[in-house]
Structure formats: structure tokens, C-alpha cells
Amino acid sequence: MITLENVSKSYTSDGMPALNNVSLHIDRGEFVFIVGDSGSGKSTMIKLLLRELTPTSGRIIVNNFDLSRLRRRKIPKYRRNIGVVFQDFRLLKDRNVYENVAFAQRVIEVPTRQIKKNVPAMLSLVGLPEKYRSKTKELSGGEQQRVALARALVNNPPILLADEPTGNLDPRNSWEIMKLLEEINRRGTTVVVVTHNREIVNAMRKRVITVKKGIIVSDEEKGEYIDED
């Protein structure tokens, strides 16, 4: 589902690379944590997978798309195959919950009749069926992240990237979001979570890829988030 082959990314010609000759493979249906300190290269990896950046060298293949050969006009089509959730939710503040989720469907011109079925079903999945008329500012942080998850998933993407999805949440809401991600993964979606949350990583015992100074220093099945000194 996701393959990086000898991928490096440098932001300047003479600076230390943000990623340095990274290779990894993530199979369809896996649940993977990517962990590491700030500046380790995790965010660069996410941006490369979203094709917001291109690698300085190496090759990236995601869901059979070779990103090095992907033409600019094809990027929107490629991104429809990836759901994304961010730490700061990135919801449309002037629209209600229903419209935030429906927006992802309108962008790809799903018929209105189908949207009226899909959005309530997705809000039920994330536990917010009764909040569809609420404005996002009326929601708690945990509820906003649930709306962001519903929006990311409404187009049924095969891959979900979650970049610090619990970063702005208290422990109870953090666990609820992680349980949702686990359920989404059980339904067949490949889930990749970038996080600093050591407690969650160590409790869930999923595959853990640790990045330090642009290099993968460990890749463990049922791994832990361990300081790499």
C-alpha cells in the first residue's frame, strides 16, 4: 500500500536532510505508528505521502501511484484515495457538522441524494449522529476531531493518515479517538498515525516505526515508543 525506496529529502543544498535514505513498506490493512522527537522527519514523511513535497531522491509508491511520476493535474485524484486528520482539526468554521463532512463529497461531485445517505452513516460511525446541525465552535475538541475523522473517511479512502490526532485532546478523548481509528482499521482501512503520545503507543502494541534525525532507527511489530539516545 505504501512503499518508500531510498527516499531522501533536503530543504537546502547544504543542510542536513530531513529524511536520509529511508526505505519502508506498509501493507494493505496495517495499523502503523510513526514516532520520534520534533525535527526527526515525521512531518516531512507525511507531506511526501500527501505529495505536498517531492523527494530529493528516491521513489515513493502509494496505492499504485508512483509519486515521482505523478503530474500536477493528477494530484487531486491521487489525494482522493487518502483520508487525512490533523492535530488542529482544520474544520470549516462557518459551516455546521453535516456540511463539513458533506464538503468532502461535494468536491468529488457525489450526487446530493447519495450525500444524504453517506454523511449520516459516517456521523453515526464516529458517534455524533445527533450533532449534524451543530456549528463546529459549539463542539468540544474530541467532538471536532470526530467530525474531522468523519470527513476524512466519508469518501471511503483505502488509506488514513493521522498527524498527531490526539495532540489537542485530553486523555479520555485521546483514547476514544484511538479506539475509533482501531475500528476503522478493522474495517479494512490502512491507518498510519504520527504521534508523540507514548502512553497510547505503548498500550496499543501495534507496529511502531521510530525516526531519528531523518533515519529509521527501529521498526518493530507490536513495538513500543522508546527514547533513542
Foldseek 3Di string as FASTA:
>chain_A
DKWWAQFWACPDPPDQILAGGDTDDDDFLAAEEEEEDPSLNPVVVVCCVLLVDPTPDTWIADPNDTSVPDDPVCSVVVCLQEFEAEQVLPFDQVAFLLCRQCVLVVVVPDDPVVSVVLSLVLCVLLPRNPRRRPGLVVDDLLVSLSSSVSSSPSSPHQEYEYEASCVPDDPVSVVSVVVSVVVSSVVGHHYYYYHPPQVVLLVVQAWYFYGGSNYTPDTDRRDGDDDDD
